[in-house]
């Protein structure tokens, strides 16, 4: 077993929000018969979750508010109030356990200036490692706010000043997108299709609309081994370079350059050795981060796969398991931060 792994896509909820939405998220992303177990695990921080971390060698966990989070709140004032409450709640929950847990801030994205201010507060006062956004912000009138537009440059400027990453996580389709695309195809909501569709649209929008050119130091994390983008890398590159740029697309670099310089992938919820090897071939092991996607996936499945069934050398395993995250998040001292890799029980070359 590799000890000291860092996991970055690990969800929680506050007890009151979990109670108000009981069954909704579990039914959408899991077996409704296991709703009670999910409801326990999503609010539990220091009991079952911590025991599982010890059992499976996860030294440090970055906690983030579960979907849909405040991105699903159309009212600006309510979204901002909820974000502040959630951030203060989790900061207080983990304050005496900072060698085991960190957090990504929850942000309302209705107002880029306010989002930047709340991020700054969370980073400077609470020691958070950045923020996780559950894809687009739902707005009144069945509107959707994307962060690839110039109005959000004010927010991205603050992110770069703080030098912290932003995790763009999927959320279930809502409003007209749900009605027109998924209402009659409900089994495609979530990991089968809609998650990758939503985040890949957002990421490619940030690339094609020049966000990374305006903010070349920006670090964005996406989960599930890249939300399908690595598998279309050649075709996207071909059309961006040969067709779209001559037509006026703003991106100055190639898609591979953005993935090499600005975008990180996690293994969350995608425990396939073949897929991991392919992603390494496309973006390099130094851009990939271990994650679980707890409690929607189990630490047992994620860690047994990564520790025992992946096919890579010792250097890549340690890099993906913890060193890449330590570099990105500027982590130094945490539980088992420098634990040796035991090749007797772990697949490593």
C-alpha atoms as a PDB file:
ATOM      1  CA  UNK A   1       0.000   0.000   0.000  1.00  0.00           C
ATOM      2  CA  UNK A   2       1.177   3.511  -0.778  1.00  0.00           C
ATOM      3  CA  UNK A   3       0.741   5.682   2.301  1.00  0.00           C
ATOM      4  CA  UNK A   4       0.523   9.462   2.221  1.00  0.00           C
ATOM      5  CA  UNK A   5      -1.693   9.702  -0.842  1.00  0.00           C
ATOM      6  CA  UNK A   6      -3.489  13.023  -1.391  1.00  0.00           C
ATOM      7  CA  UNK A   7      -7.120  13.012  -2.541  1.00  0.00           C
ATOM      8  CA  UNK A   8      -8.612  16.146  -4.090  1.00  0.00           C
ATOM      9  CA  UNK A   9     -12.217  15.404  -5.134  1.00  0.00           C
ATOM     10  CA  UNK A  10     -13.825  14.410  -1.866  1.00  0.00           C
ATOM     11  CA  UNK A  11     -17.319  15.712  -1.134  1.00  0.00           C
ATOM     12  CA  UNK A  12     -19.077  16.748   2.052  1.00  0.00           C
ATOM     13  CA  UNK A  13     -22.317  18.437   3.006  1.00  0.00           C
ATOM     14  CA  UNK A  14     -23.535  20.329   6.041  1.00  0.00           C
ATOM     15  CA  UNK A  15     -26.089  18.463   8.152  1.00  0.00           C
ATOM     16  CA  UNK A  16     -28.856  20.997   7.542  1.00  0.00           C
ATOM     17  CA  UNK A  17     -28.413  21.084   3.758  1.00  0.00           C
ATOM     18  CA  UNK A  18     -28.128  17.302   3.654  1.00  0.00           C
ATOM     19  CA  UNK A  19     -31.363  16.979   5.624  1.00  0.00           C
ATOM     20  CA  UNK A  20     -33.181  19.436   3.352  1.00  0.00           C
ATOM     21  CA  UNK A  21     -32.083  17.561   0.226  1.00  0.00           C
ATOM     22  CA  UNK A  22     -32.301  14.028   1.643  1.00  0.00           C
ATOM     23  CA  UNK A  23     -32.350  11.438  -1.114  1.00  0.00           C
ATOM     24  CA  UNK A  24     -32.034  13.905  -3.999  1.00  0.00           C
ATOM     25  CA  UNK A  25     -28.305  13.566  -4.670  1.00  0.00           C
ATOM     26  CA  UNK A  26     -28.100   9.900  -3.689  1.00  0.00           C
ATOM     27  CA  UNK A  27     -30.956   9.042  -6.035  1.00  0.00           C
ATOM     28  CA  UNK A  28     -29.353  10.954  -8.894  1.00  0.00           C
ATOM     29  CA  UNK A  29     -25.841   9.523  -8.524  1.00  0.00           C
ATOM     30  CA  UNK A  30     -26.290   6.241  -6.690  1.00  0.00           C
ATOM     31  CA  UNK A  31     -28.542   3.459  -5.524  1.00  0.00           C
ATOM     32  CA  UNK A  32     -31.634   4.948  -3.806  1.00  0.00           C
ATOM     33  CA  UNK A  33     -31.665   1.915  -1.519  1.00  0.00           C
ATOM     34  CA  UNK A  34     -28.353   3.136  -0.089  1.00  0.00           C
ATOM     35  CA  UNK A  35     -29.556   6.688   0.553  1.00  0.00           C
ATOM     36  CA  UNK A  36     -29.154   6.325   4.322  1.00  0.00           C
ATOM     37  CA  UNK A  37     -25.549   5.180   3.989  1.00  0.00           C
ATOM     38  CA  UNK A  38     -24.810   8.035   1.582  1.00  0.00           C
ATOM     39  CA  UNK A  39     -26.481  10.540   3.910  1.00  0.00           C
ATOM     40  CA  UNK A  40     -24.171   9.419   6.715  1.00  0.00           C
ATOM     41  CA  UNK A  41     -20.990   9.464   4.663  1.00  0.00           C
ATOM     42  CA  UNK A  42     -21.586  12.861   3.036  1.00  0.00           C
ATOM     43  CA  UNK A  43     -21.793  14.651   6.405  1.00  0.00           C
ATOM     44  CA  UNK A  44     -19.277  12.491   8.276  1.00  0.00           C
ATOM     45  CA  UNK A  45     -15.762  13.918   8.425  1.00  0.00           C
ATOM     46  CA  UNK A  46     -14.016  12.540  11.494  1.00  0.00           C
ATOM     47  CA  UNK A  47     -15.497   9.067  11.921  1.00  0.00           C
ATOM     48  CA  UNK A  48     -15.943   6.619   9.009  1.00  0.00           C
ATOM     49  CA  UNK A  49     -14.125   8.883   6.562  1.00  0.00           C
ATOM     50  CA  UNK A  50     -11.051   9.208   8.748  1.00  0.00           C
ATOM     51  CA  UNK A  51     -10.990   5.478   9.518  1.00  0.00           C
ATOM     52  CA  UNK A  52     -11.151   4.651   5.806  1.00  0.00           C
ATOM     53  CA  UNK A  53      -8.328   7.106   5.102  1.00  0.00           C
ATOM     54  CA  UNK A  54      -6.144   5.279   7.614  1.00  0.00           C
ATOM     55  CA  UNK A  55      -7.111   1.875   6.247  1.00  0.00           C
ATOM     56  CA  UNK A  56      -6.289   2.733   2.636  1.00  0.00           C
ATOM     57  CA  UNK A  57      -3.319   5.051   3.010  1.00  0.00           C
ATOM     58  CA  UNK A  58      -4.770   8.484   2.251  1.00  0.00           C
ATOM     59  CA  UNK A  59      -2.738  10.960   4.243  1.00  0.00           C
ATOM     60  CA  UNK A  60      -4.455  14.188   3.234  1.00  0.00           C
ATOM     61  CA  UNK A  61      -7.914  14.970   1.870  1.00  0.00           C
ATOM     62  CA  UNK A  62      -9.155  18.184   0.253  1.00  0.00           C
ATOM     63  CA  UNK A  63     -12.851  18.501   1.112  1.00  0.00           C
ATOM     64  CA  UNK A  64     -15.350  20.292  -1.141  1.00  0.00           C
ATOM     65  CA  UNK A  65     -19.074  20.987  -1.009  1.00  0.00           C
ATOM     66  CA  UNK A  66     -21.049  18.382  -2.912  1.00  0.00           C
ATOM     67  CA  UNK A  67     -23.093  18.946  -6.054  1.00  0.00           C
ATOM     68  CA  UNK A  68     -25.002  21.001  -6.940  1.00  0.00           C
ATOM     69  CA  UNK A  69     -23.713  23.251  -4.175  1.00  0.00           C
ATOM     70  CA  UNK A  70     -24.252  26.965  -4.547  1.00  0.00           C
ATOM     71  CA  UNK A  71     -23.910  26.670  -8.335  1.00  0.00           C
ATOM     72  CA  UNK A  72     -27.442  25.269  -8.163  1.00  0.00           C
ATOM     73  CA  UNK A  73     -28.836  28.321  -6.328  1.00  0.00           C
ATOM     74  CA  UNK A  74     -30.270  30.866  -8.769  1.00  0.00           C
ATOM     75  CA  UNK A  75     -30.786  33.631  -6.211  1.00  0.00           C
ATOM     76  CA  UNK A  76     -27.604  35.671  -5.817  1.00  0.00           C
ATOM     77  CA  UNK A  77     -28.073  36.674  -2.176  1.00  0.00           C
ATOM     78  CA  UNK A  78     -28.980  33.161  -1.086  1.00  0.00           C
ATOM     79  CA  UNK A  79     -26.039  31.657  -2.985  1.00  0.00           C
ATOM     80  CA  UNK A  80     -23.553  34.059  -1.407  1.00  0.00           C
ATOM     81  CA  UNK A  81     -24.957  33.532   2.092  1.00  0.00           C
ATOM     82  CA  UNK A  82     -24.879  29.752   1.672  1.00  0.00           C
ATOM     83  CA  UNK A  83     -21.293  29.789   0.398  1.00  0.00           C
ATOM     84  CA  UNK A  84     -20.082  31.786   3.388  1.00  0.00           C
ATOM     85  CA  UNK A  85     -21.900  29.468   5.784  1.00  0.00           C
ATOM     86  CA  UNK A  86     -20.512  26.307   4.154  1.00  0.00           C
ATOM     87  CA  UNK A  87     -16.968  27.683   4.152  1.00  0.00           C
ATOM     88  CA  UNK A  88     -17.086  28.673   7.808  1.00  0.00           C
ATOM     89  CA  UNK A  89     -18.667  25.337   8.713  1.00  0.00           C
ATOM     90  CA  UNK A  90     -15.969  23.174   7.143  1.00  0.00           C
ATOM     91  CA  UNK A  91     -13.160  25.447   8.364  1.00  0.00           C
ATOM     92  CA  UNK A  92     -14.380  24.980  11.927  1.00  0.00           C
ATOM     93  CA  UNK A  93     -14.903  21.246  11.410  1.00  0.00           C
ATOM     94  CA  UNK A  94     -11.307  20.568  10.361  1.00  0.00           C
ATOM     95  CA  UNK A  95      -9.452  23.238  12.342  1.00  0.00           C
ATOM     96  CA  UNK A  96      -7.984  20.705  14.778  1.00  0.00           C
ATOM     97  CA  UNK A  97      -7.178  18.157  12.063  1.00  0.00           C
ATOM     98  CA  UNK A  98      -5.172  20.130   9.527  1.00  0.00           C
ATOM     99  CA  UNK A  99      -2.546  17.427   9.044  1.00  0.00           C
ATOM    100  CA  UNK A 100      -5.335  15.209   7.663  1.00  0.00           C
ATOM    101  CA  UNK A 101      -7.776  17.604   5.979  1.00  0.00           C
ATOM    102  CA  UNK A 102      -7.805  20.739   3.873  1.00  0.00           C
ATOM    103  CA  UNK A 103     -10.625  22.331   1.907  1.00  0.00           C
ATOM    104  CA  UNK A 104     -11.571  23.981  -1.342  1.00  0.00           C
ATOM    105  CA  UNK A 105     -13.767  27.057  -0.955  1.00  0.00           C
ATOM    106  CA  UNK A 106     -17.391  27.082  -2.031  1.00  0.00           C
ATOM    107  CA  UNK A 107     -18.165  30.167  -4.120  1.00  0.00           C
ATOM    108  CA  UNK A 108     -21.251  31.811  -5.542  1.00  0.00           C
ATOM    109  CA  UNK A 109     -20.316  32.802  -9.094  1.00  0.00           C
ATOM    110  CA  UNK A 110     -23.151  35.289  -9.672  1.00  0.00           C
ATOM    111  CA  UNK A 111     -20.792  38.223  -9.060  1.00  0.00           C
ATOM    112  CA  UNK A 112     -17.130  37.751 -10.067  1.00  0.00           C
ATOM    113  CA  UNK A 113     -15.971  40.460  -7.652  1.00  0.00           C
ATOM    114  CA  UNK A 114     -17.762  38.923  -4.674  1.00  0.00           C
ATOM    115  CA  UNK A 115     -16.496  35.462  -5.645  1.00  0.00           C
ATOM    116  CA  UNK A 116     -12.945  36.762  -5.622  1.00  0.00           C
ATOM    117  CA  UNK A 117     -13.436  38.405  -2.242  1.00  0.00           C
ATOM    118  CA  UNK A 118     -14.835  35.214  -0.704  1.00  0.00           C
ATOM    119  CA  UNK A 119     -11.996  33.169  -2.189  1.00  0.00           C
ATOM    120  CA  UNK A 120      -9.452  35.590  -0.753  1.00  0.00           C
ATOM    121  CA  UNK A 121     -11.120  35.361   2.668  1.00  0.00           C
ATOM    122  CA  UNK A 122     -11.095  31.566   2.602  1.00  0.00           C
ATOM    123  CA  UNK A 123      -7.457  31.340   1.528  1.00  0.00           C
ATOM    124  CA  UNK A 124      -6.061  34.008   3.852  1.00  0.00           C
ATOM    125  CA  UNK A 125      -8.253  33.391   6.927  1.00  0.00           C
ATOM    126  CA  UNK A 126      -9.056  29.689   6.696  1.00  0.00           C
ATOM    127  CA  UNK A 127      -5.994  28.405   4.843  1.00  0.00           C
ATOM    128  CA  UNK A 128      -8.049  26.807   2.067  1.00  0.00           C
ATOM    129  CA  UNK A 129      -6.214  25.459  -0.972  1.00  0.00           C
ATOM    130  CA  UNK A 130      -8.332  27.119  -3.691  1.00  0.00           C
ATOM    131  CA  UNK A 131     -11.943  26.528  -4.686  1.00  0.00           C
ATOM    132  CA  UNK A 132     -14.148  23.924  -6.309  1.00  0.00           C
ATOM    133  CA  UNK A 133     -16.911  25.106  -8.650  1.00  0.00           C
ATOM    134  CA  UNK A 134     -19.723  22.752  -9.590  1.00  0.00           C
ATOM    135  CA  UNK A 135     -19.620  23.758 -13.251  1.00  0.00           C
ATOM    136  CA  UNK A 136     -21.822  26.636 -14.458  1.00  0.00           C
ATOM    137  CA  UNK A 137     -23.713  28.978 -12.137  1.00  0.00           C
ATOM    138  CA  UNK A 138     -27.484  28.700 -12.377  1.00  0.00           C
ATOM    139  CA  UNK A 139     -29.053  32.179 -12.625  1.00  0.00           C
ATOM    140  CA  UNK A 140     -32.649  33.485 -12.607  1.00  0.00           C
ATOM    141  CA  UNK A 141     -34.780  33.017 -15.699  1.00  0.00           C
ATOM    142  CA  UNK A 142     -33.282  29.657 -16.665  1.00  0.00           C
ATOM    143  CA  UNK A 143     -29.939  31.306 -17.396  1.00  0.00           C
ATOM    144  CA  UNK A 144     -26.461  29.827 -17.033  1.00  0.00           C
ATOM    145  CA  UNK A 145     -23.253  31.720 -16.264  1.00  0.00           C
ATOM    146  CA  UNK A 146     -19.997  30.474 -17.826  1.00  0.00           C
ATOM    147  CA  UNK A 147     -16.646  31.625 -16.480  1.00  0.00           C
ATOM    148  CA  UNK A 148     -14.985  31.830 -19.898  1.00  0.00           C
ATOM    149  CA  UNK A 149     -16.460  35.300 -20.482  1.00  0.00           C
ATOM    150  CA  UNK A 150     -14.527  38.585 -19.980  1.00  0.00           C
ATOM    151  CA  UNK A 151     -16.755  39.520 -17.029  1.00  0.00           C
ATOM    152  CA  UNK A 152     -14.997  36.818 -15.020  1.00  0.00           C
ATOM    153  CA  UNK A 153     -11.494  38.164 -15.639  1.00  0.00           C
ATOM    154  CA  UNK A 154     -11.826  40.026 -12.351  1.00  0.00           C
ATOM    155  CA  UNK A 155     -12.233  36.689 -10.582  1.00  0.00           C
ATOM    156  CA  UNK A 156      -9.408  34.960 -12.440  1.00  0.00           C
ATOM    157  CA  UNK A 157      -7.102  37.849 -11.563  1.00  0.00           C
ATOM    158  CA  UNK A 158      -7.677  37.205  -7.856  1.00  0.00           C
ATOM    159  CA  UNK A 159      -7.123  33.467  -8.339  1.00  0.00           C
ATOM    160  CA  UNK A 160      -3.738  34.144  -9.920  1.00  0.00           C
ATOM    161  CA  UNK A 161      -2.786  36.674  -7.244  1.00  0.00           C
ATOM    162  CA  UNK A 162      -3.501  34.065  -4.577  1.00  0.00           C
ATOM    163  CA  UNK A 163      -1.736  31.396  -6.662  1.00  0.00           C
ATOM    164  CA  UNK A 164      -4.287  28.680  -5.881  1.00  0.00           C
ATOM    165  CA  UNK A 165      -5.995  26.187  -8.214  1.00  0.00           C
ATOM    166  CA  UNK A 166      -9.671  26.069  -9.140  1.00  0.00           C
ATOM    167  CA  UNK A 167     -11.320  22.675  -9.504  1.00  0.00           C
ATOM    168  CA  UNK A 168     -14.145  22.637 -12.067  1.00  0.00           C
ATOM    169  CA  UNK A 169     -16.430  19.774 -11.106  1.00  0.00           C
ATOM    170  CA  UNK A 170     -19.523  18.570 -12.971  1.00  0.00           C
ATOM    171  CA  UNK A 171     -23.129  19.020 -11.915  1.00  0.00           C
ATOM    172  CA  UNK A 172     -26.358  17.498 -13.172  1.00  0.00           C
ATOM    173  CA  UNK A 173     -28.040  19.374 -16.035  1.00  0.00           C
ATOM    174  CA  UNK A 174     -30.826  21.715 -15.009  1.00  0.00           C
ATOM    175  CA  UNK A 175     -33.497  23.850 -16.631  1.00  0.00           C
ATOM    176  CA  UNK A 176     -33.793  23.854 -20.396  1.00  0.00           C
ATOM    177  CA  UNK A 177     -30.660  21.720 -20.820  1.00  0.00           C
ATOM    178  CA  UNK A 178     -32.294  18.981 -18.780  1.00  0.00           C
ATOM    179  CA  UNK A 179     -35.659  19.388 -20.499  1.00  0.00           C
ATOM    180  CA  UNK A 180     -34.314  19.302 -24.053  1.00  0.00           C
ATOM    181  CA  UNK A 181     -31.438  16.831 -23.738  1.00  0.00           C
ATOM    182  CA  UNK A 182     -31.775  14.586 -20.688  1.00  0.00           C
ATOM    183  CA  UNK A 183     -35.426  14.437 -19.621  1.00  0.00           C
ATOM    184  CA  UNK A 184     -36.013  11.391 -21.801  1.00  0.00           C
ATOM    185  CA  UNK A 185     -32.481  10.049 -21.260  1.00  0.00           C
ATOM    186  CA  UNK A 186     -32.149  10.181 -17.480  1.00  0.00           C
ATOM    187  CA  UNK A 187     -29.700   7.277 -17.286  1.00  0.00           C
ATOM    188  CA  UNK A 188     -27.135   9.406 -19.123  1.00  0.00           C
ATOM    189  CA  UNK A 189     -27.105  11.996 -16.342  1.00  0.00           C
ATOM    190  CA  UNK A 190     -23.869  11.971 -14.366  1.00  0.00           C
ATOM    191  CA  UNK A 191     -20.801   9.817 -15.102  1.00  0.00           C
ATOM    192  CA  UNK A 192     -22.189   8.045 -18.215  1.00  0.00           C
ATOM    193  CA  UNK A 193     -22.292  11.276 -20.263  1.00  0.00           C
ATOM    194  CA  UNK A 194     -23.591  14.579 -18.880  1.00  0.00           C
ATOM    195  CA  UNK A 195     -20.696  15.202 -16.483  1.00  0.00           C
ATOM    196  CA  UNK A 196     -18.064  15.034 -19.198  1.00  0.00           C
ATOM    197  CA  UNK A 197     -20.198  17.013 -21.642  1.00  0.00           C
ATOM    198  CA  UNK A 198     -20.671  19.874 -19.198  1.00  0.00           C
ATOM    199  CA  UNK A 199     -17.104  20.273 -17.963  1.00  0.00           C
ATOM    200  CA  UNK A 200     -15.465  19.684 -21.351  1.00  0.00           C
ATOM    201  CA  UNK A 201     -17.637  22.458 -22.826  1.00  0.00           C
ATOM    202  CA  UNK A 202     -16.544  24.794 -20.049  1.00  0.00           C
ATOM    203  CA  UNK A 203     -12.834  23.938 -20.296  1.00  0.00           C
ATOM    204  CA  UNK A 204     -12.718  24.155 -24.085  1.00  0.00           C
ATOM    205  CA  UNK A 205     -14.598  27.444 -23.809  1.00  0.00           C
ATOM    206  CA  UNK A 206     -11.895  28.791 -21.500  1.00  0.00           C
ATOM    207  CA  UNK A 207      -9.245  27.702 -23.992  1.00  0.00           C
ATOM    208  CA  UNK A 208     -10.947  28.984 -27.140  1.00  0.00           C
ATOM    209  CA  UNK A 209     -11.981  32.279 -25.513  1.00  0.00           C
ATOM    210  CA  UNK A 210      -8.435  33.065 -24.400  1.00  0.00           C
ATOM    211  CA  UNK A 211      -8.769  32.819 -20.605  1.00  0.00           C
ATOM    212  CA  UNK A 212      -5.432  31.029 -20.211  1.00  0.00           C
ATOM    213  CA  UNK A 213      -3.718  33.520 -22.497  1.00  0.00           C
ATOM    214  CA  UNK A 214      -4.926  36.404 -20.347  1.00  0.00           C
ATOM    215  CA  UNK A 215      -3.967  34.479 -17.193  1.00  0.00           C
ATOM    216  CA  UNK A 216      -1.022  32.231 -18.116  1.00  0.00           C
ATOM    217  CA  UNK A 217      -0.352  31.239 -14.483  1.00  0.00           C
ATOM    218  CA  UNK A 218      -3.902  29.969 -13.927  1.00  0.00           C
ATOM    219  CA  UNK A 219      -4.206  26.379 -12.680  1.00  0.00           C
ATOM    220  CA  UNK A 220      -7.442  24.482 -13.336  1.00  0.00           C
ATOM    221  CA  UNK A 221      -8.149  20.938 -12.113  1.00  0.00           C
ATOM    222  CA  UNK A 222     -10.670  18.633 -13.772  1.00  0.00           C
ATOM    223  CA  UNK A 223     -11.618  15.167 -12.625  1.00  0.00           C
ATOM    224  CA  UNK A 224     -12.453  11.746 -14.019  1.00  0.00           C
ATOM    225  CA  UNK A 225      -9.226  11.605 -16.047  1.00  0.00           C
ATOM    226  CA  UNK A 226     -10.024  14.680 -18.086  1.00  0.00           C
ATOM    227  CA  UNK A 227     -13.776  14.495 -18.775  1.00  0.00           C
ATOM    228  CA  UNK A 228     -13.173  12.774 -22.153  1.00  0.00           C
ATOM    229  CA  UNK A 229     -10.948  15.572 -23.535  1.00  0.00           C
ATOM    230  CA  UNK A 230      -7.669  13.563 -23.661  1.00  0.00           C
ATOM    231  CA  UNK A 231      -9.314  11.034 -25.969  1.00  0.00           C
ATOM    232  CA  UNK A 232     -10.232  13.780 -28.458  1.00  0.00           C
ATOM    233  CA  UNK A 233      -6.909  15.619 -28.139  1.00  0.00           C
ATOM    234  CA  UNK A 234      -5.708  14.934 -31.682  1.00  0.00           C
ATOM    235  CA  UNK A 235      -8.989  15.923 -33.307  1.00  0.00           C
ATOM    236  CA  UNK A 236      -9.421  19.064 -31.195  1.00  0.00           C
ATOM    237  CA  UNK A 237      -5.836  20.088 -31.943  1.00  0.00           C
ATOM    238  CA  UNK A 238      -6.354  19.490 -35.658  1.00  0.00           C
ATOM    239  CA  UNK A 239      -9.485  21.633 -35.861  1.00  0.00           C
ATOM    240  CA  UNK A 240      -8.254  24.376 -33.541  1.00  0.00           C
ATOM    241  CA  UNK A 241      -4.986  24.812 -35.429  1.00  0.00           C
ATOM    242  CA  UNK A 242      -6.103  24.188 -39.020  1.00  0.00           C
ATOM    243  CA  UNK A 243      -9.651  25.529 -39.040  1.00  0.00           C
ATOM    244  CA  UNK A 244     -10.692  27.569 -36.009  1.00  0.00           C
ATOM    245  CA  UNK A 245      -7.628  29.801 -35.562  1.00  0.00           C
ATOM    246  CA  UNK A 246      -7.705  31.002 -39.190  1.00  0.00           C
ATOM    247  CA  UNK A 247     -11.367  31.851 -38.530  1.00  0.00           C
ATOM    248  CA  UNK A 248     -10.414  34.024 -35.558  1.00  0.00           C
ATOM    249  CA  UNK A 249     -10.300  31.766 -32.485  1.00  0.00           C
ATOM    250  CA  UNK A 250      -8.509  33.639 -29.685  1.00  0.00           C
ATOM    251  CA  UNK A 251      -6.335  30.849 -28.264  1.00  0.00           C
ATOM    252  CA  UNK A 252      -2.636  31.548 -28.827  1.00  0.00           C
ATOM    253  CA  UNK A 253      -1.267  28.124 -27.872  1.00  0.00           C
ATOM    254  CA  UNK A 254      -2.141  24.538 -28.749  1.00  0.00           C
ATOM    255  CA  UNK A 255      -4.505  22.492 -26.617  1.00  0.00           C
ATOM    256  CA  UNK A 256      -1.616  20.278 -25.500  1.00  0.00           C
ATOM    257  CA  UNK A 257       0.292  23.333 -24.312  1.00  0.00           C
ATOM    258  CA  UNK A 258      -2.643  24.400 -22.149  1.00  0.00           C
ATOM    259  CA  UNK A 259      -2.869  20.904 -20.678  1.00  0.00           C
ATOM    260  CA  UNK A 260       0.883  20.964 -20.035  1.00  0.00           C
ATOM    261  CA  UNK A 261       0.854  24.411 -18.424  1.00  0.00           C
ATOM    262  CA  UNK A 262      -2.590  25.174 -16.978  1.00  0.00           C
ATOM    263  CA  UNK A 263      -4.735  22.050 -16.601  1.00  0.00           C
ATOM    264  CA  UNK A 264      -4.441  19.107 -14.220  1.00  0.00           C
ATOM    265  CA  UNK A 265      -6.365  15.824 -14.269  1.00  0.00           C
ATOM    266  CA  UNK A 266      -7.422  13.669 -11.336  1.00  0.00           C
ATOM    267  CA  UNK A 267      -8.192   9.964 -11.272  1.00  0.00           C
ATOM    268  CA  UNK A 268     -11.465  10.551  -9.410  1.00  0.00           C
ATOM    269  CA  UNK A 269     -14.049   7.891 -10.161  1.00  0.00           C
ATOM    270  CA  UNK A 270     -12.109   6.498 -13.127  1.00  0.00           C
ATOM    271  CA  UNK A 271     -10.151   3.502 -11.932  1.00  0.00           C
ATOM    272  CA  UNK A 272      -8.955   2.119 -15.253  1.00  0.00           C
ATOM    273  CA  UNK A 273      -5.287   1.315 -15.784  1.00  0.00           C
ATOM    274  CA  UNK A 274      -5.634   1.454 -19.571  1.00  0.00           C
ATOM    275  CA  UNK A 275      -7.271   4.870 -19.396  1.00  0.00           C
ATOM    276  CA  UNK A 276      -4.666   6.179 -16.967  1.00  0.00           C
ATOM    277  CA  UNK A 277      -1.839   4.968 -19.198  1.00  0.00           C
ATOM    278  CA  UNK A 278      -3.415   6.694 -22.195  1.00  0.00           C
ATOM    279  CA  UNK A 279      -3.787   9.962 -20.288  1.00  0.00           C
ATOM    280  CA  UNK A 280      -0.145   9.751 -19.227  1.00  0.00           C
ATOM    281  CA  UNK A 281       0.779   9.385 -22.897  1.00  0.00           C
ATOM    282  CA  UNK A 282      -1.211  12.512 -23.754  1.00  0.00           C
ATOM    283  CA  UNK A 283      -0.482  14.934 -20.904  1.00  0.00           C
ATOM    284  CA  UNK A 284       2.325  13.333 -18.882  1.00  0.00           C
ATOM    285  CA  UNK A 285       2.343  11.815 -15.405  1.00  0.00           C
ATOM    286  CA  UNK A 286       3.330  15.171 -13.919  1.00  0.00           C
ATOM    287  CA  UNK A 287      -0.138  16.603 -14.707  1.00  0.00           C
ATOM    288  CA  UNK A 288      -2.175  13.829 -13.060  1.00  0.00           C
ATOM    289  CA  UNK A 289      -3.354  13.696  -9.437  1.00  0.00           C
ATOM    290  CA  UNK A 290      -4.783  10.818  -7.434  1.00  0.00           C
ATOM    291  CA  UNK A 291      -8.362  11.234  -6.173  1.00  0.00           C
ATOM    292  CA  UNK A 292     -11.293   9.084  -5.073  1.00  0.00           C
ATOM    293  CA  UNK A 293     -14.629  10.930  -5.619  1.00  0.00           C
ATOM    294  CA  UNK A 294     -15.827   9.964  -2.151  1.00  0.00           C
ATOM    295  CA  UNK A 295     -18.552   9.138  -1.125  1.00  0.00           C
ATOM    296  CA  UNK A 296     -19.833   8.475  -4.652  1.00  0.00           C
ATOM    297  CA  UNK A 297     -16.929   6.046  -5.029  1.00  0.00           C
ATOM    298  CA  UNK A 298     -15.201   4.113  -2.256  1.00  0.00           C
ATOM    299  CA  UNK A 299     -11.697   4.579  -0.953  1.00  0.00           C
ATOM    300  CA  UNK A 300     -11.345   0.811  -1.112  1.00  0.00           C
ATOM    301  CA  UNK A 301     -11.940   0.694  -4.870  1.00  0.00           C
ATOM    302  CA  UNK A 302      -9.818   3.763  -5.634  1.00  0.00           C
ATOM    303  CA  UNK A 303      -6.855   2.802  -3.469  1.00  0.00           C
ATOM    304  CA  UNK A 304      -6.784  -0.910  -4.240  1.00  0.00           C
ATOM    305  CA  UNK A 305      -6.740  -0.026  -7.930  1.00  0.00           C
ATOM    306  CA  UNK A 306      -4.063   2.651  -7.635  1.00  0.00           C
ATOM    307  CA  UNK A 307      -1.873   0.789  -5.166  1.00  0.00           C
ATOM    308  CA  UNK A 308      -2.027  -2.699  -6.656  1.00  0.00           C
ATOM    309  CA  UNK A 309      -3.304  -2.668 -10.236  1.00  0.00           C
ATOM    310  CA  UNK A 310      -1.769   0.332 -11.980  1.00  0.00           C
ATOM    311  CA  UNK A 311       1.255  -0.277 -14.184  1.00  0.00           C
ATOM    312  CA  UNK A 312       3.895   2.390 -13.687  1.00  0.00           C
ATOM    313  CA  UNK A 313       7.316   2.978 -12.270  1.00  0.00           C
ATOM    314  CA  UNK A 314       7.979   4.121  -8.734  1.00  0.00           C
ATOM    315  CA  UNK A 315       8.557   7.728  -9.810  1.00  0.00           C
ATOM    316  CA  UNK A 316       5.220   8.077 -11.576  1.00  0.00           C
ATOM    317  CA  UNK A 317       3.318   6.338  -8.785  1.00  0.00           C
ATOM    318  CA  UNK A 318       4.701   8.655  -6.123  1.00  0.00           C
ATOM    319  CA  UNK A 319       4.189  11.679  -8.388  1.00  0.00           C
ATOM    320  CA  UNK A 320       0.541  10.914  -9.113  1.00  0.00           C
ATOM    321  CA  UNK A 321      -0.157   9.634  -5.613  1.00  0.00           C
ATOM    322  CA  UNK A 322       1.127  12.717  -3.793  1.00  0.00           C
ATOM    323  CA  UNK A 323       4.102  14.674  -5.152  1.00  0.00           C
ATOM    324  CA  UNK A 324       2.228  16.472  -7.949  1.00  0.00           C
ATOM    325  CA  UNK A 325      -0.441  17.582  -5.479  1.00  0.00           C
ATOM    326  CA  UNK A 326       2.178  18.661  -2.940  1.00  0.00           C
ATOM    327  CA  UNK A 327       3.724  20.879  -5.591  1.00  0.00           C
ATOM    328  CA  UNK A 328       0.437  22.314  -6.854  1.00  0.00           C
ATOM    329  CA  UNK A 329      -1.013  22.950  -3.392  1.00  0.00           C
ATOM    330  CA  UNK A 330       2.309  23.865  -1.744  1.00  0.00           C
ATOM    331  CA  UNK A 331       1.773  21.154   0.855  1.00  0.00           C
ATOM    332  CA  UNK A 332       4.646  20.217   3.112  1.00  0.00           C
ATOM    333  CA  UNK A 333       3.816  18.680   6.464  1.00  0.00           C
ATOM    334  CA  UNK A 334       0.835  16.340   6.655  1.00  0.00           C
ATOM    335  CA  UNK A 335       0.171  12.777   7.818  1.00  0.00           C
ATOM    336  CA  UNK A 336       2.538  10.320   6.084  1.00  0.00           C
ATOM    337  CA  UNK A 337       3.760  13.058   3.731  1.00  0.00           C
ATOM    338  CA  UNK A 338       7.042  11.259   3.092  1.00  0.00           C
ATOM    339  CA  UNK A 339       6.107   7.653   3.767  1.00  0.00           C
ATOM    340  CA  UNK A 340       8.202   5.235   1.679  1.00  0.00           C
ATOM    341  CA  UNK A 341       6.600   3.311  -1.162  1.00  0.00           C
ATOM    342  CA  UNK A 342       6.514  -0.384  -0.294  1.00  0.00           C
ATOM    343  CA  UNK A 343       7.037  -2.167  -3.612  1.00  0.00           C
ATOM    344  CA  UNK A 344       6.574  -5.537  -1.910  1.00  0.00           C
ATOM    345  CA  UNK A 345       2.851  -4.853  -1.680  1.00  0.00           C
ATOM    346  CA  UNK A 346       2.412  -2.148  -4.325  1.00  0.00           C
ATOM    347  CA  UNK A 347       2.695  -2.407  -8.095  1.00  0.00           C
ATOM    348  CA  UNK A 348       5.755  -0.360  -9.022  1.00  0.00           C
ATOM    349  CA  UNK A 349       8.633  -0.862 -11.338  1.00  0.00           C
END
